[in-house]
Amino acid sequence: MFASPAYAQAAGGSLTSSLGGFVPIILIFGIMYFLMIRPQQKKMKDHRNMVAALRKGDQIVTQGGIIGKVIKVKEDGEVEVEIAKEVKVRILKHTITQVMNKTEPS
C-alpha cells in the first residue's frame, strides 16, 4: 500500500544517465554510416566519373545487359551506341554499368 523508498529515490535522474541513453543510438548511426552510407557514396562517385569519362570507341554494358560500342557522346545525357552492324540506339548515360574496353585518348 505504501510506496517503497526505492521508487521515491529512482525518480530523480542525473544528466549523465540521460546522456547515457543516447550513446547506443549515436554508435549505431556511426556504424551505419561507415558500413552503408559511405561505401554507397563512393560507388556513386566512381560511377559518375566513369560516365563522365566516356568517349567514342568505348565498349560498354548497359543495365539491360546490352553490349555495344559508343558511336557518339551527346551533351544532354545521352550516348549513341552501336549494338550490331548498322544498328544504333540512343541510351541514357546513367544506365551504363560498365566500360569493358576503354579507348586511349588521342
Protein backbone atom coordinates (compact mmCIF):
# COMPACT_ATOMS: atom_id res chain seq x y z
CA MET A 1 0.00 0.00 0.00
CA PHE A 2 2.78 2.39 0.80
CA ALA A 3 5.33 3.43 -1.78
CA SER A 4 8.66 1.86 -1.09
CA PRO A 5 11.69 4.14 -0.63
CA ALA A 6 13.31 2.64 -3.75
CA TYR A 7 10.61 4.12 -6.02
CA ALA A 8 10.96 7.52 -4.44
CA GLN A 9 14.74 7.53 -4.89
CA ALA A 10 14.67 6.34 -8.51
CA ALA A 11 12.54 9.28 -9.66
CA GLY A 12 15.44 11.75 -9.59
CA GLY A 13 17.74 11.36 -12.61
CA SER A 14 21.08 12.90 -13.33
CA LEU A 15 22.40 14.41 -16.55
CA THR A 16 24.90 11.62 -17.13
CA SER A 17 22.26 8.89 -17.01
CA SER A 18 20.08 10.69 -19.58
CA LEU A 19 23.07 11.16 -21.94
CA GLY A 20 23.98 7.51 -21.48
CA GLY A 21 20.74 6.58 -23.25
CA PHE A 22 21.85 8.39 -26.41
CA VAL A 23 25.26 6.72 -26.64
CA PRO A 24 23.95 3.47 -28.23
CA ILE A 25 21.93 5.46 -30.78
CA ILE A 26 24.99 7.52 -31.72
CA LEU A 27 27.10 4.36 -32.02
CA ILE A 28 24.51 2.68 -34.25
CA PHE A 29 24.41 5.74 -36.52
CA GLY A 30 28.21 5.79 -36.72
CA ILE A 31 28.37 2.12 -37.64
CA MET A 32 25.60 2.54 -40.25
CA TYR A 33 27.47 5.48 -41.78
CA PHE A 34 30.75 3.60 -42.18
CA LEU A 35 29.20 0.30 -43.30
CA MET A 36 26.38 1.50 -45.57
CA ILE A 37 26.25 5.20 -46.41
CA ARG A 38 29.94 5.93 -47.08
CA PRO A 39 30.55 2.94 -49.43
CA GLN A 40 27.38 3.79 -51.39
CA GLN A 41 28.53 7.39 -51.84
CA LYS A 42 31.93 6.16 -53.05
CA LYS A 43 30.27 3.81 -55.54
CA MET A 44 28.08 6.63 -56.86
CA LYS A 45 31.11 8.90 -57.26
CA ASP A 46 33.03 6.21 -59.17
CA HIS A 47 30.03 5.66 -61.49
CA ARG A 48 29.72 9.41 -62.11
CA ASN A 49 33.42 9.61 -63.02
CA MET A 50 33.15 6.57 -65.31
CA VAL A 51 30.18 8.05 -67.19
CA ALA A 52 31.89 11.44 -67.47
CA ALA A 53 34.98 9.80 -69.00
CA LEU A 54 33.05 8.03 -71.80
CA ARG A 55 34.34 8.66 -75.31
CA LYS A 56 33.82 7.40 -78.81
CA GLY A 57 35.05 3.82 -79.30
CA ASP A 58 34.50 2.57 -75.72
CA GLN A 59 32.80 -0.81 -75.41
CA ILE A 60 30.10 -0.68 -72.73
CA VAL A 61 27.49 -2.79 -70.94
CA THR A 62 24.07 -1.32 -70.09
CA GLN A 63 21.81 -2.19 -67.17
CA GLY A 64 19.74 -4.34 -69.51
CA GLY A 65 22.80 -6.41 -70.43
CA ILE A 66 23.27 -4.95 -73.90
CA ILE A 67 26.89 -4.78 -75.03
CA GLY A 68 27.76 -2.12 -77.57
CA LYS A 69 30.30 0.34 -78.86
CA VAL A 70 29.94 4.08 -78.24
CA ILE A 71 29.49 5.95 -81.52
CA LYS A 72 28.68 9.42 -80.22
CA VAL A 73 28.58 11.04 -76.78
CA LYS A 74 25.95 13.76 -76.56
CA GLU A 75 25.86 16.60 -74.04
CA ASP A 76 22.25 16.06 -72.96
CA GLY A 77 22.93 12.85 -71.04
CA GLU A 78 22.59 10.50 -73.99
CA VAL A 79 25.01 8.18 -75.76
CA GLU A 80 24.60 6.69 -79.21
CA VAL A 81 25.66 3.03 -79.15
CA GLU A 82 26.09 0.55 -81.97
CA ILE A 83 24.89 -2.88 -80.79
CA ALA A 84 25.20 -4.64 -84.16
CA LYS A 85 26.36 -3.72 -87.64
CA GLU A 86 24.34 -0.65 -88.70
CA VAL A 87 22.08 -0.95 -85.60
CA LYS A 88 22.39 2.16 -83.46
CA VAL A 89 20.44 3.00 -80.32
CA ARG A 90 20.37 6.01 -78.04
CA ILE A 91 20.68 5.28 -74.34
CA LEU A 92 20.92 7.42 -71.23
CA LYS A 93 24.38 7.76 -69.73
CA HIS A 94 23.33 6.76 -66.24
CA THR A 95 22.15 3.33 -67.50
CA ILE A 96 25.73 2.33 -68.36
CA THR A 97 27.01 -0.08 -65.74
CA GLN A 98 30.47 -0.99 -67.03
CA VAL A 99 33.08 0.10 -69.55
CA MET A 100 34.66 -3.10 -70.85
CA ASN A 101 37.28 -1.81 -73.32
CA LYS A 102 38.47 1.73 -72.91
CA THR A 103 39.93 3.59 -75.89
CA GLU A 104 43.09 5.58 -75.43
CA PRO A 105 42.77 9.36 -75.71
CA SER A 106 44.12 10.70 -79.00
